[in-house]
Amino acid sequence: MIVFPAIDILDGKAVRLLQGRLDAVTVYNDDPVDQARRWIDQGAEWLHVVDLDGAVTGDAKNIEYLERIAALGTPVQTGGGLRSMETLDRLHAIGIRRMVLGTALVTQPALVSEACDRFGGSIVAGIDARDGKVAIQGWRQGTEYGVLELIRELELLGVKRLAYTDISKDGMQTGVNYGAYRALAGQIDIPMTASGGVSTLEDIGDLLTIGMQLEGVIVGKALYENSFTLADAIRVGNGEEV
């Protein structure tokens, strides 16, 4: 299971939010590229970078940072404001390995289909949900879509990879919604990455038991708050004893 250390970029800084709230921001590093180097030095095999400015405005704002982070050589998965083929083409050109579509999954199905045709498994459906309902526009707007309902539609459009965030758990360090991830993994045919609430190495170990359907976990605040090290998280994700 891949452990993705998260870097959320807002106003040029690496930050974490509580439940996606822009009024609950903690700055952890004034330089997102420096933060990327730190995770790489600690053994990161992938990086998960979110353009929070882009998620809010609908237009990718931090491509310069993404280019510098991608140039460090570790594979990058990124999302936030990816709502045009032009943006996806730019990100692909600078070496981004996986691109996470969010709001566009609901508002631009034609874009999703075209992106999947062009980039295949490099496109990730980033589904963020609160109380089982999908949220969009940087989590600020709810929809009537159920998670499984949307996934079924996206599979028909060609989506081959999913990242699922439980908004209620994100940034709270209260543990993952294990039951929700296990239940969803049993109902879908595409690999999934879990996000939201990881607070202990035991959380990662529990997710590992879901099996091959769960290909990764995104970890943020627990790493920034030194609840455990990235190296230990990777060991657990590999099924090793710590």
C-alpha atoms as a PDB file:
ATOM      1  CA  MET A   1       0.000   0.000   0.000  1.00  0.00           C
ATOM      2  CA  ILE A   2       1.421   3.373  -1.028  1.00  0.00           C
ATOM      3  CA  VAL A   3       1.743   5.951   1.737  1.00  0.00           C
ATOM      4  CA  PHE A   4       1.289   9.425   0.221  1.00  0.00           C
ATOM      5  CA  PRO A   5       2.586  12.255   2.455  1.00  0.00           C
ATOM      6  CA  ALA A   6       0.421  15.291   1.745  1.00  0.00           C
ATOM      7  CA  ILE A   7       1.468  18.807   0.862  1.00  0.00           C
ATOM      8  CA  ASP A   8      -1.418  21.282   0.694  1.00  0.00           C
ATOM      9  CA  ILE A   9      -0.425  24.610  -0.874  1.00  0.00           C
ATOM     10  CA  LEU A  10      -2.231  27.799   0.102  1.00  0.00           C
ATOM     11  CA  ASP A  11      -0.854  31.313  -0.464  1.00  0.00           C
ATOM     12  CA  GLY A  12       2.553  29.831  -1.276  1.00  0.00           C
ATOM     13  CA  LYS A  13       2.835  27.869   1.982  1.00  0.00           C
ATOM     14  CA  ALA A  14       2.471  24.232   3.016  1.00  0.00           C
ATOM     15  CA  VAL A  15      -0.569  24.101   5.284  1.00  0.00           C
ATOM     16  CA  ARG A  16      -3.176  21.792   6.787  1.00  0.00           C
ATOM     17  CA  LEU A  17      -6.866  22.525   7.207  1.00  0.00           C
ATOM     18  CA  LEU A  18      -9.455  21.148   9.596  1.00  0.00           C
ATOM     19  CA  GLN A  19     -12.244  19.471   7.613  1.00  0.00           C
ATOM     20  CA  GLY A  20     -11.293  21.585   4.593  1.00  0.00           C
ATOM     21  CA  ARG A  21     -12.140  24.866   6.341  1.00  0.00           C
ATOM     22  CA  LEU A  22     -10.174  27.863   5.109  1.00  0.00           C
ATOM     23  CA  ASP A  23     -10.765  29.583   8.458  1.00  0.00           C
ATOM     24  CA  ALA A  24      -8.903  26.763  10.235  1.00  0.00           C
ATOM     25  CA  VAL A  25      -5.436  26.886   8.663  1.00  0.00           C
ATOM     26  CA  THR A  26      -2.146  25.798  10.211  1.00  0.00           C
ATOM     27  CA  VAL A  27       1.052  26.713   8.347  1.00  0.00           C
ATOM     28  CA  TYR A  28       3.752  24.047   8.628  1.00  0.00           C
ATOM     29  CA  ASN A  29       6.313  25.271   6.107  1.00  0.00           C
ATOM     30  CA  ASP A  30       6.737  28.582   4.296  1.00  0.00           C
ATOM     31  CA  ASP A  31       8.141  26.698   1.278  1.00  0.00           C
ATOM     32  CA  PRO A  32       6.193  23.752  -0.221  1.00  0.00           C
ATOM     33  CA  VAL A  33       9.246  22.670  -2.213  1.00  0.00           C
ATOM     34  CA  ASP A  34      11.294  22.452   0.956  1.00  0.00           C
ATOM     35  CA  GLN A  35       8.524  20.356   2.499  1.00  0.00           C
ATOM     36  CA  ALA A  36       8.637  18.033  -0.499  1.00  0.00           C
ATOM     37  CA  ARG A  37      12.390  17.614  -0.032  1.00  0.00           C
ATOM     38  CA  ARG A  38      11.834  16.749   3.624  1.00  0.00           C
ATOM     39  CA  TRP A  39       9.345  14.008   2.779  1.00  0.00           C
ATOM     40  CA  ILE A  40      11.665  12.651   0.094  1.00  0.00           C
ATOM     41  CA  ASP A  41      14.571  12.633   2.531  1.00  0.00           C
ATOM     42  CA  GLN A  42      12.385  10.586   4.871  1.00  0.00           C
ATOM     43  CA  GLY A  43      11.734   7.970   2.201  1.00  0.00           C
ATOM     44  CA  ALA A  44       8.617   9.154   0.361  1.00  0.00           C
ATOM     45  CA  GLU A  45       7.848   6.955  -2.636  1.00  0.00           C
ATOM     46  CA  TRP A  46       5.074   9.309  -3.842  1.00  0.00           C
ATOM     47  CA  LEU A  47       3.919  12.822  -2.952  1.00  0.00           C
ATOM     48  CA  HIS A  48       0.306  13.994  -2.817  1.00  0.00           C
ATOM     49  CA  VAL A  49       0.175  17.732  -3.542  1.00  0.00           C
ATOM     50  CA  VAL A  50      -3.051  19.744  -3.362  1.00  0.00           C
ATOM     51  CA  ASP A  51      -3.450  23.215  -4.852  1.00  0.00           C
ATOM     52  CA  LEU A  52      -5.895  24.665  -2.318  1.00  0.00           C
ATOM     53  CA  ASP A  53      -5.906  28.020  -4.111  1.00  0.00           C
ATOM     54  CA  GLY A  54      -6.951  26.199  -7.262  1.00  0.00           C
ATOM     55  CA  ALA A  55      -9.606  24.148  -5.477  1.00  0.00           C
ATOM     56  CA  VAL A  56     -11.276  27.346  -4.302  1.00  0.00           C
ATOM     57  CA  THR A  57     -10.942  29.436  -7.474  1.00  0.00           C
ATOM     58  CA  GLY A  58     -11.440  26.664 -10.020  1.00  0.00           C
ATOM     59  CA  ASP A  59      -8.188  27.476 -11.805  1.00  0.00           C
ATOM     60  CA  ALA A  60      -4.823  25.865 -11.024  1.00  0.00           C
ATOM     61  CA  LYS A  61      -2.688  28.491  -9.264  1.00  0.00           C
ATOM     62  CA  ASN A  62       0.445  26.665  -8.153  1.00  0.00           C
ATOM     63  CA  ILE A  63       1.826  25.019 -11.272  1.00  0.00           C
ATOM     64  CA  GLU A  64       5.204  26.700 -10.671  1.00  0.00           C
ATOM     65  CA  TYR A  65       5.496  24.938  -7.317  1.00  0.00           C
ATOM     66  CA  LEU A  66       4.305  21.675  -8.844  1.00  0.00           C
ATOM     67  CA  GLU A  67       6.942  21.884 -11.555  1.00  0.00           C
ATOM     68  CA  ARG A  68       9.687  22.429  -8.985  1.00  0.00           C
ATOM     69  CA  ILE A  69       8.401  19.573  -6.837  1.00  0.00           C
ATOM     70  CA  ALA A  70       8.110  17.209  -9.809  1.00  0.00           C
ATOM     71  CA  ALA A  71      11.692  18.080 -10.767  1.00  0.00           C
ATOM     72  CA  LEU A  72      12.874  16.529  -7.490  1.00  0.00           C
ATOM     73  CA  GLY A  73      12.284  13.130  -9.093  1.00  0.00           C
ATOM     74  CA  THR A  74       9.710  11.503  -6.805  1.00  0.00           C
ATOM     75  CA  PRO A  75       6.345  10.721  -8.466  1.00  0.00           C
ATOM     76  CA  VAL A  76       3.678  13.339  -7.763  1.00  0.00           C
ATOM     77  CA  GLN A  77      -0.083  12.987  -7.539  1.00  0.00           C
ATOM     78  CA  THR A  78      -1.859  16.339  -7.567  1.00  0.00           C
ATOM     79  CA  GLY A  79      -5.316  17.891  -7.487  1.00  0.00           C
ATOM     80  CA  GLY A  80      -7.054  21.206  -6.962  1.00  0.00           C
ATOM     81  CA  GLY A  81      -8.517  23.354  -9.733  1.00  0.00           C
ATOM     82  CA  LEU A  82      -8.035  20.780 -12.501  1.00  0.00           C
ATOM     83  CA  ARG A  83     -10.973  21.738 -14.693  1.00  0.00           C
ATOM     84  CA  SER A  84      -9.594  22.024 -18.241  1.00  0.00           C
ATOM     85  CA  MET A  85      -7.611  19.925 -20.705  1.00  0.00           C
ATOM     86  CA  GLU A  86      -5.139  22.802 -20.981  1.00  0.00           C
ATOM     87  CA  THR A  87      -4.300  22.469 -17.288  1.00  0.00           C
ATOM     88  CA  LEU A  88      -4.030  18.688 -17.494  1.00  0.00           C
ATOM     89  CA  ASP A  89      -1.741  18.964 -20.531  1.00  0.00           C
ATOM     90  CA  ARG A  90       0.497  21.430 -18.661  1.00  0.00           C
ATOM     91  CA  LEU A  91       0.739  19.189 -15.635  1.00  0.00           C
ATOM     92  CA  HIS A  92       1.510  16.144 -17.760  1.00  0.00           C
ATOM     93  CA  ALA A  93       4.195  18.108 -19.595  1.00  0.00           C
ATOM     94  CA  ILE A  94       6.006  19.011 -16.366  1.00  0.00           C
ATOM     95  CA  GLY A  95       6.066  15.394 -15.245  1.00  0.00           C
ATOM     96  CA  ILE A  96       3.070  15.022 -12.934  1.00  0.00           C
ATOM     97  CA  ARG A  97       2.278  11.306 -12.757  1.00  0.00           C
ATOM     98  CA  ARG A  98      -1.303  11.339 -11.473  1.00  0.00           C
ATOM     99  CA  MET A  99      -3.914  14.093 -11.763  1.00  0.00           C
ATOM    100  CA  VAL A 100      -6.894  14.174  -9.421  1.00  0.00           C
ATOM    101  CA  LEU A 101     -10.176  15.519 -10.774  1.00  0.00           C
ATOM    102  CA  GLY A 102     -12.712  16.693  -8.199  1.00  0.00           C
ATOM    103  CA  THR A 103     -15.417  19.215  -9.016  1.00  0.00           C
ATOM    104  CA  ALA A 104     -15.169  18.340 -12.720  1.00  0.00           C
ATOM    105  CA  LEU A 105     -16.390  14.820 -11.931  1.00  0.00           C
ATOM    106  CA  VAL A 106     -19.837  16.303 -11.299  1.00  0.00           C
ATOM    107  CA  THR A 107     -19.870  19.421 -13.463  1.00  0.00           C
ATOM    108  CA  GLN A 108     -17.845  18.367 -16.551  1.00  0.00           C
ATOM    109  CA  PRO A 109     -18.388  14.703 -17.481  1.00  0.00           C
ATOM    110  CA  ALA A 110     -17.200  15.368 -21.042  1.00  0.00           C
ATOM    111  CA  LEU A 111     -13.859  16.596 -19.673  1.00  0.00           C
ATOM    112  CA  VAL A 112     -13.571  13.498 -17.498  1.00  0.00           C
ATOM    113  CA  SER A 113     -14.168  11.232 -20.485  1.00  0.00           C
ATOM    114  CA  GLU A 114     -11.652  13.085 -22.670  1.00  0.00           C
ATOM    115  CA  ALA A 115      -9.055  13.108 -19.875  1.00  0.00           C
ATOM    116  CA  CYS A 116      -9.441   9.356 -19.336  1.00  0.00           C
ATOM    117  CA  ASP A 117      -9.085   8.733 -23.074  1.00  0.00           C
ATOM    118  CA  ARG A 118      -5.906  10.786 -23.207  1.00  0.00           C
ATOM    119  CA  PHE A 119      -4.227   9.972 -19.900  1.00  0.00           C
ATOM    120  CA  GLY A 120      -5.733   6.631 -18.848  1.00  0.00           C
ATOM    121  CA  GLY A 121      -4.757   5.499 -15.362  1.00  0.00           C
ATOM    122  CA  SER A 122      -3.032   8.818 -14.672  1.00  0.00           C
ATOM    123  CA  ILE A 123      -6.473  10.307 -14.028  1.00  0.00           C
ATOM    124  CA  VAL A 124      -7.758   9.852 -10.479  1.00  0.00           C
ATOM    125  CA  ALA A 125     -11.343  10.506  -9.405  1.00  0.00           C
ATOM    126  CA  GLY A 126     -11.025  12.531  -6.217  1.00  0.00           C
ATOM    127  CA  ILE A 127     -14.329  11.993  -4.440  1.00  0.00           C
ATOM    128  CA  ASP A 128     -14.781  13.964  -1.228  1.00  0.00           C
ATOM    129  CA  ALA A 129     -17.848  13.186   0.848  1.00  0.00           C
ATOM    130  CA  ARG A 130     -19.621  14.303   3.982  1.00  0.00           C
ATOM    131  CA  ASP A 131     -22.267  12.010   5.472  1.00  0.00           C
ATOM    132  CA  GLY A 132     -22.209   9.901   2.334  1.00  0.00           C
ATOM    133  CA  LYS A 133     -22.877  12.798  -0.053  1.00  0.00           C
ATOM    134  CA  VAL A 134     -20.307  14.126  -2.520  1.00  0.00           C
ATOM    135  CA  ALA A 135     -18.994  17.666  -1.975  1.00  0.00           C
ATOM    136  CA  ILE A 136     -17.410  19.878  -4.650  1.00  0.00           C
ATOM    137  CA  GLN A 137     -15.914  23.383  -5.077  1.00  0.00           C
ATOM    138  CA  GLY A 138     -13.176  22.838  -2.504  1.00  0.00           C
ATOM    139  CA  TRP A 139     -15.696  21.050  -0.229  1.00  0.00           C
ATOM    140  CA  ARG A 140     -17.795  24.209   0.072  1.00  0.00           C
ATOM    141  CA  GLN A 141     -20.760  22.950  -1.952  1.00  0.00           C
ATOM    142  CA  GLY A 142     -22.762  19.800  -1.311  1.00  0.00           C
ATOM    143  CA  THR A 143     -24.467  17.672  -3.954  1.00  0.00           C
ATOM    144  CA  GLU A 144     -27.171  15.027  -3.943  1.00  0.00           C
ATOM    145  CA  TYR A 145     -24.778  12.440  -5.363  1.00  0.00           C
ATOM    146  CA  GLY A 146     -24.119   9.381  -3.247  1.00  0.00           C
ATOM    147  CA  VAL A 147     -20.524   8.150  -3.387  1.00  0.00           C
ATOM    148  CA  LEU A 148     -21.241   4.787  -5.019  1.00  0.00           C
ATOM    149  CA  GLU A 149     -23.717   6.356  -7.442  1.00  0.00           C
ATOM    150  CA  LEU A 150     -21.057   8.767  -8.726  1.00  0.00           C
ATOM    151  CA  ILE A 151     -18.390   6.061  -8.939  1.00  0.00           C
ATOM    152  CA  ARG A 152     -20.649   3.936 -11.128  1.00  0.00           C
ATOM    153  CA  GLU A 153     -21.103   6.859 -13.529  1.00  0.00           C
ATOM    154  CA  LEU A 154     -17.378   7.602 -13.571  1.00  0.00           C
ATOM    155  CA  GLU A 155     -16.465   4.018 -14.361  1.00  0.00           C
ATOM    156  CA  LEU A 156     -18.590   4.320 -17.489  1.00  0.00           C
ATOM    157  CA  LEU A 157     -16.599   7.437 -18.432  1.00  0.00           C
ATOM    158  CA  GLY A 158     -13.345   5.486 -18.178  1.00  0.00           C
ATOM    159  CA  VAL A 159     -12.085   6.350 -14.676  1.00  0.00           C
ATOM    160  CA  LYS A 160      -9.704   3.662 -13.461  1.00  0.00           C
ATOM    161  CA  ARG A 161      -8.533   5.013 -10.105  1.00  0.00           C
ATOM    162  CA  LEU A 162     -10.212   6.572  -7.065  1.00  0.00           C
ATOM    163  CA  ALA A 163      -9.124   8.724  -4.116  1.00  0.00           C
ATOM    164  CA  TYR A 164     -11.819   8.922  -1.460  1.00  0.00           C
ATOM    165  CA  THR A 165     -11.785  11.503   1.340  1.00  0.00           C
ATOM    166  CA  ASP A 166     -14.037  11.424   4.389  1.00  0.00           C
ATOM    167  CA  ILE A 167     -14.322  15.179   4.999  1.00  0.00           C
ATOM    168  CA  SER A 168     -15.598  14.795   8.549  1.00  0.00           C
ATOM    169  CA  LYS A 169     -12.333  13.068   9.496  1.00  0.00           C
ATOM    170  CA  ASP A 170      -9.882  15.166   7.504  1.00  0.00           C
ATOM    171  CA  GLY A 171      -7.319  16.948   9.653  1.00  0.00           C
ATOM    172  CA  MET A 172      -9.014  15.840  12.854  1.00  0.00           C
ATOM    173  CA  GLN A 173      -6.625  13.014  13.836  1.00  0.00           C
ATOM    174  CA  THR A 174      -9.534  11.033  15.246  1.00  0.00           C
ATOM    175  CA  GLY A 175      -8.976   7.841  13.275  1.00  0.00           C
ATOM    176  CA  VAL A 176     -10.144   6.701   9.863  1.00  0.00           C
ATOM    177  CA  ASN A 177     -13.668   5.702   8.891  1.00  0.00           C
ATOM    178  CA  TYR A 178     -12.502   2.135   8.391  1.00  0.00           C
ATOM    179  CA  GLY A 179     -15.965   0.689   7.868  1.00  0.00           C
ATOM    180  CA  ALA A 180     -16.748   3.098   5.053  1.00  0.00           C
ATOM    181  CA  TYR A 181     -13.519   2.285   3.195  1.00  0.00           C
ATOM    182  CA  ARG A 182     -13.970  -1.470   3.598  1.00  0.00           C
ATOM    183  CA  ALA A 183     -17.599  -1.313   2.469  1.00  0.00           C
ATOM    184  CA  LEU A 184     -16.750   0.807  -0.578  1.00  0.00           C
ATOM    185  CA  ALA A 185     -13.796  -1.377  -1.547  1.00  0.00           C
ATOM    186  CA  GLY A 186     -16.139  -4.363  -1.624  1.00  0.00           C
ATOM    187  CA  GLN A 187     -18.478  -2.657  -4.095  1.00  0.00           C
ATOM    188  CA  ILE A 188     -16.109  -1.211  -6.697  1.00  0.00           C
ATOM    189  CA  ASP A 189     -13.753  -2.636  -9.297  1.00  0.00           C
ATOM    190  CA  ILE A 190     -11.130   0.119  -9.410  1.00  0.00           C
ATOM    191  CA  PRO A 191      -8.239   0.648  -6.963  1.00  0.00           C
ATOM    192  CA  MET A 192      -8.814   3.210  -4.221  1.00  0.00           C
ATOM    193  CA  THR A 193      -6.696   5.503  -2.060  1.00  0.00           C
ATOM    194  CA  ALA A 194      -8.062   6.443   1.360  1.00  0.00           C
ATOM    195  CA  SER A 195      -7.754   9.933   2.847  1.00  0.00           C
ATOM    196  CA  GLY A 196      -8.887  11.573   6.054  1.00  0.00           C
ATOM    197  CA  GLY A 197      -8.347  10.964   9.734  1.00  0.00           C
ATOM    198  CA  VAL A 198      -5.183   8.854   9.908  1.00  0.00           C
ATOM    199  CA  SER A 199      -3.796   9.457  13.376  1.00  0.00           C
ATOM    200  CA  THR A 200      -1.803   6.336  14.288  1.00  0.00           C
ATOM    201  CA  LEU A 201       0.234   3.597  12.661  1.00  0.00           C
ATOM    202  CA  GLU A 202      -2.582   1.267  13.698  1.00  0.00           C
ATOM    203  CA  ASP A 203      -4.911   3.180  11.359  1.00  0.00           C
ATOM    204  CA  ILE A 204      -2.580   2.406   8.464  1.00  0.00           C
ATOM    205  CA  GLY A 205      -2.318  -1.224   9.536  1.00  0.00           C
ATOM    206  CA  ASP A 206      -6.099  -1.521   9.687  1.00  0.00           C
ATOM    207  CA  LEU A 207      -6.466  -0.096   6.184  1.00  0.00           C
ATOM    208  CA  LEU A 208      -3.866  -2.550   4.927  1.00  0.00           C
ATOM    209  CA  THR A 209      -6.175  -5.428   5.885  1.00  0.00           C
ATOM    210  CA  ILE A 210      -8.739  -4.270   3.300  1.00  0.00           C
ATOM    211  CA  GLY A 211      -6.489  -5.805   0.669  1.00  0.00           C
ATOM    212  CA  MET A 212      -5.366  -5.023  -2.833  1.00  0.00           C
ATOM    213  CA  GLN A 213      -8.448  -2.933  -3.652  1.00  0.00           C
ATOM    214  CA  LEU A 214      -7.021  -0.245  -1.354  1.00  0.00           C
ATOM    215  CA  GLU A 215      -3.812   0.771  -3.101  1.00  0.00           C
ATOM    216  CA  GLY A 216      -2.831   3.732  -0.958  1.00  0.00           C
ATOM    217  CA  VAL A 217      -3.425   6.078   1.946  1.00  0.00           C
ATOM    218  CA  ILE A 218      -2.876   9.836   2.121  1.00  0.00           C
ATOM    219  CA  VAL A 219      -1.417  11.023   5.406  1.00  0.00           C
ATOM    220  CA  GLY A 220      -1.196  14.664   6.416  1.00  0.00           C
ATOM    221  CA  LYS A 221      -1.561  16.173   9.841  1.00  0.00           C
ATOM    222  CA  ALA A 222      -0.353  13.116  11.755  1.00  0.00           C
ATOM    223  CA  LEU A 223       3.010  13.432   9.996  1.00  0.00           C
ATOM    224  CA  TYR A 224       3.219  17.193  10.507  1.00  0.00           C
ATOM    225  CA  GLU A 225       2.384  16.791  14.191  1.00  0.00           C
ATOM    226  CA  ASN A 226       5.013  14.017  14.557  1.00  0.00           C
ATOM    227  CA  SER A 227       2.495  11.393  15.661  1.00  0.00           C
ATOM    228  CA  PHE A 228       4.730   8.929  13.821  1.00  0.00           C
ATOM    229  CA  THR A 229       7.452   9.088  11.191  1.00  0.00           C
ATOM    230  CA  LEU A 230       6.957   8.736   7.471  1.00  0.00           C
ATOM    231  CA  ALA A 231       9.529   5.930   7.446  1.00  0.00           C
ATOM    232  CA  ASP A 232       7.486   3.922   9.962  1.00  0.00           C
ATOM    233  CA  ALA A 233       4.259   4.642   8.063  1.00  0.00           C
ATOM    234  CA  ILE A 234       5.838   3.275   4.877  1.00  0.00           C
ATOM    235  CA  ARG A 235       7.002   0.144   6.722  1.00  0.00           C
ATOM    236  CA  VAL A 236       3.497  -0.507   7.989  1.00  0.00           C
ATOM    237  CA  GLY A 237       2.087   0.143   4.539  1.00  0.00           C
ATOM    238  CA  ASN A 238       4.477  -2.512   3.230  1.00  0.00           C
ATOM    239  CA  GLY A 239       3.225  -4.988   5.833  1.00  0.00           C
ATOM    240  CA  GLU A 240       6.396  -4.815   7.931  1.00  0.00           C
ATOM    241  CA  GLU A 241       6.631  -4.798  11.707  1.00  0.00           C
ATOM    242  CA  VAL A 242       7.603  -1.507  13.395  1.00  0.00           C
END
